[in-house]
Amino acid sequence: MTEESKISARQQRRLEKEQEKAHEQAQQTGTTRWVQIRMFPIWLRILLVILILAGAAITGLMFGYGVLGDGEPKDALKWDTYQHIIDIKDGK
């Protein structure tokens, strides 16, 4: 055995003993610890929700303007379209 494998074998045994000791203590107290590991951090979940909502809004605008309104779907994303709607509302 090389020196590195001896160290890693020692460390492995030490870790196993610590885990056994923690398990025994948990059994004695009658409680076990449950650790939840998150696949995605909370900030990433929030960002994904915001992006999905924005995508749904844009898709809804394009569908409503292009399919239901008989316009060109890409025009729903242009500022001129909304400026025209504001001008109609204001009576210009």
C-alpha atoms as a PDB file:
ATOM      1  CA  MET A   1       0.000   0.000   0.000  1.00  0.00           C
ATOM      2  CA  THR A   2       1.152   3.453  -0.754  1.00  0.00           C
ATOM      3  CA  GLU A   3       1.179   6.252   1.755  1.00  0.00           C
ATOM      4  CA  GLU A   4      -1.835   7.969   0.125  1.00  0.00           C
ATOM      5  CA  SER A   5      -3.978   4.831   0.204  1.00  0.00           C
ATOM      6  CA  LYS A   6      -3.169   4.345   3.909  1.00  0.00           C
ATOM      7  CA  ILE A   7      -4.297   7.872   4.672  1.00  0.00           C
ATOM      8  CA  SER A   8      -7.478   7.518   2.701  1.00  0.00           C
ATOM      9  CA  ALA A   9      -8.219   4.142   4.319  1.00  0.00           C
ATOM     10  CA  ARG A  10      -7.726   5.722   7.752  1.00  0.00           C
ATOM     11  CA  GLN A  11      -9.970   8.605   6.853  1.00  0.00           C
ATOM     12  CA  GLN A  12     -12.601   6.212   5.536  1.00  0.00           C
ATOM     13  CA  ARG A  13     -12.602   4.201   8.763  1.00  0.00           C
ATOM     14  CA  ARG A  14     -12.804   7.391  10.825  1.00  0.00           C
ATOM     15  CA  LEU A  15     -15.781   8.612   8.804  1.00  0.00           C
ATOM     16  CA  GLU A  16     -17.523   5.254   9.174  1.00  0.00           C
ATOM     17  CA  LYS A  17     -17.004   5.344  12.965  1.00  0.00           C
ATOM     18  CA  GLU A  18     -18.368   8.878  13.176  1.00  0.00           C
ATOM     19  CA  GLN A  19     -21.432   7.897  11.148  1.00  0.00           C
ATOM     20  CA  GLU A  20     -22.047   4.871  13.354  1.00  0.00           C
ATOM     21  CA  LYS A  21     -21.719   7.016  16.472  1.00  0.00           C
ATOM     22  CA  ALA A  22     -24.175   9.581  15.103  1.00  0.00           C
ATOM     23  CA  HIS A  23     -26.586   6.797  14.160  1.00  0.00           C
ATOM     24  CA  GLU A  24     -26.380   5.282  17.642  1.00  0.00           C
ATOM     25  CA  GLN A  25     -26.995   8.666  19.261  1.00  0.00           C
ATOM     26  CA  ALA A  26     -30.017   9.226  17.035  1.00  0.00           C
ATOM     27  CA  GLN A  27     -31.407   5.821  17.982  1.00  0.00           C
ATOM     28  CA  GLN A  28     -30.917   6.528  21.670  1.00  0.00           C
ATOM     29  CA  THR A  29     -32.762   9.826  21.502  1.00  0.00           C
ATOM     30  CA  GLY A  30     -35.424   8.363  19.239  1.00  0.00           C
ATOM     31  CA  THR A  31     -35.017  11.049  16.617  1.00  0.00           C
ATOM     32  CA  THR A  32     -33.436  10.900  13.255  1.00  0.00           C
ATOM     33  CA  ARG A  33     -32.287  13.811  11.221  1.00  0.00           C
ATOM     34  CA  TRP A  34     -33.728  14.287   7.768  1.00  0.00           C
ATOM     35  CA  VAL A  35     -31.651  16.451   5.484  1.00  0.00           C
ATOM     36  CA  GLN A  36     -33.272  17.667   2.302  1.00  0.00           C
ATOM     37  CA  ILE A  37     -30.935  18.329  -0.573  1.00  0.00           C
ATOM     38  CA  ARG A  38     -32.329  20.764  -3.111  1.00  0.00           C
ATOM     39  CA  MET A  39     -31.635  20.094  -6.774  1.00  0.00           C
ATOM     40  CA  PHE A  40     -32.106  23.773  -7.662  1.00  0.00           C
ATOM     41  CA  PRO A  41     -31.358  26.679  -5.330  1.00  0.00           C
ATOM     42  CA  ILE A  42     -34.264  28.923  -4.359  1.00  0.00           C
ATOM     43  CA  TRP A  43     -32.942  31.893  -6.359  1.00  0.00           C
ATOM     44  CA  LEU A  44     -32.871  29.731  -9.482  1.00  0.00           C
ATOM     45  CA  ARG A  45     -36.453  28.571  -8.871  1.00  0.00           C
ATOM     46  CA  ILE A  46     -37.620  32.188  -8.557  1.00  0.00           C
ATOM     47  CA  LEU A  47     -35.780  33.138 -11.738  1.00  0.00           C
ATOM     48  CA  LEU A  48     -37.325  30.211 -13.619  1.00  0.00           C
ATOM     49  CA  VAL A  49     -40.833  31.169 -12.467  1.00  0.00           C
ATOM     50  CA  ILE A  50     -40.300  34.760 -13.613  1.00  0.00           C
ATOM     51  CA  LEU A  51     -38.988  33.609 -16.996  1.00  0.00           C
ATOM     52  CA  ILE A  52     -41.877  31.176 -17.472  1.00  0.00           C
ATOM     53  CA  LEU A  53     -44.416  33.895 -16.593  1.00  0.00           C
ATOM     54  CA  ALA A  54     -42.782  36.343 -19.009  1.00  0.00           C
ATOM     55  CA  GLY A  55     -42.759  33.694 -21.752  1.00  0.00           C
ATOM     56  CA  ALA A  56     -46.423  32.900 -21.144  1.00  0.00           C
ATOM     57  CA  ALA A  57     -47.331  36.604 -21.290  1.00  0.00           C
ATOM     58  CA  ILE A  58     -45.459  37.123 -24.557  1.00  0.00           C
ATOM     59  CA  THR A  59     -46.986  33.980 -26.058  1.00  0.00           C
ATOM     60  CA  GLY A  60     -50.452  35.115 -24.978  1.00  0.00           C
ATOM     61  CA  LEU A  61     -49.952  38.564 -26.508  1.00  0.00           C
ATOM     62  CA  MET A  62     -48.788  37.098 -29.796  1.00  0.00           C
ATOM     63  CA  PHE A  63     -51.637  34.558 -29.892  1.00  0.00           C
ATOM     64  CA  GLY A  64     -54.272  37.143 -29.040  1.00  0.00           C
ATOM     65  CA  TYR A  65     -53.019  39.728 -31.506  1.00  0.00           C
ATOM     66  CA  GLY A  66     -52.123  37.361 -34.313  1.00  0.00           C
ATOM     67  CA  VAL A  67     -54.730  34.596 -34.210  1.00  0.00           C
ATOM     68  CA  LEU A  68     -57.727  36.141 -32.468  1.00  0.00           C
ATOM     69  CA  GLY A  69     -57.150  39.657 -33.765  1.00  0.00           C
ATOM     70  CA  ASP A  70     -56.167  38.768 -37.341  1.00  0.00           C
ATOM     71  CA  GLY A  71     -52.926  40.753 -37.104  1.00  0.00           C
ATOM     72  CA  GLU A  72     -49.300  39.808 -37.561  1.00  0.00           C
ATOM     73  CA  PRO A  73     -48.111  38.042 -34.351  1.00  0.00           C
ATOM     74  CA  LYS A  74     -44.731  39.814 -34.394  1.00  0.00           C
ATOM     75  CA  ASP A  75     -46.488  43.186 -34.333  1.00  0.00           C
ATOM     76  CA  ALA A  76     -47.661  42.443 -30.789  1.00  0.00           C
ATOM     77  CA  LEU A  77     -44.068  42.906 -29.633  1.00  0.00           C
ATOM     78  CA  LYS A  78     -43.570  46.329 -31.273  1.00  0.00           C
ATOM     79  CA  TRP A  79     -43.915  49.544 -29.284  1.00  0.00           C
ATOM     80  CA  ASP A  80     -45.712  51.258 -32.196  1.00  0.00           C
ATOM     81  CA  THR A  81     -48.696  48.949 -31.700  1.00  0.00           C
ATOM     82  CA  TYR A  82     -49.144  50.021 -28.103  1.00  0.00           C
ATOM     83  CA  GLN A  83     -48.495  53.669 -28.930  1.00  0.00           C
ATOM     84  CA  HIS A  84     -51.328  53.457 -31.460  1.00  0.00           C
ATOM     85  CA  ILE A  85     -53.641  51.949 -28.821  1.00  0.00           C
ATOM     86  CA  ILE A  86     -52.731  54.731 -26.365  1.00  0.00           C
ATOM     87  CA  ASP A  87     -53.387  57.355 -29.053  1.00  0.00           C
ATOM     88  CA  ILE A  88     -56.838  55.860 -29.761  1.00  0.00           C
ATOM     89  CA  LYS A  89     -57.628  55.841 -26.033  1.00  0.00           C
ATOM     90  CA  ASP A  90     -56.569  59.456 -25.630  1.00  0.00           C
ATOM     91  CA  GLY A  91     -58.572  60.524 -28.708  1.00  0.00           C
ATOM     92  CA  LYS A  92     -55.637  61.666 -30.850  1.00  0.00           C
END
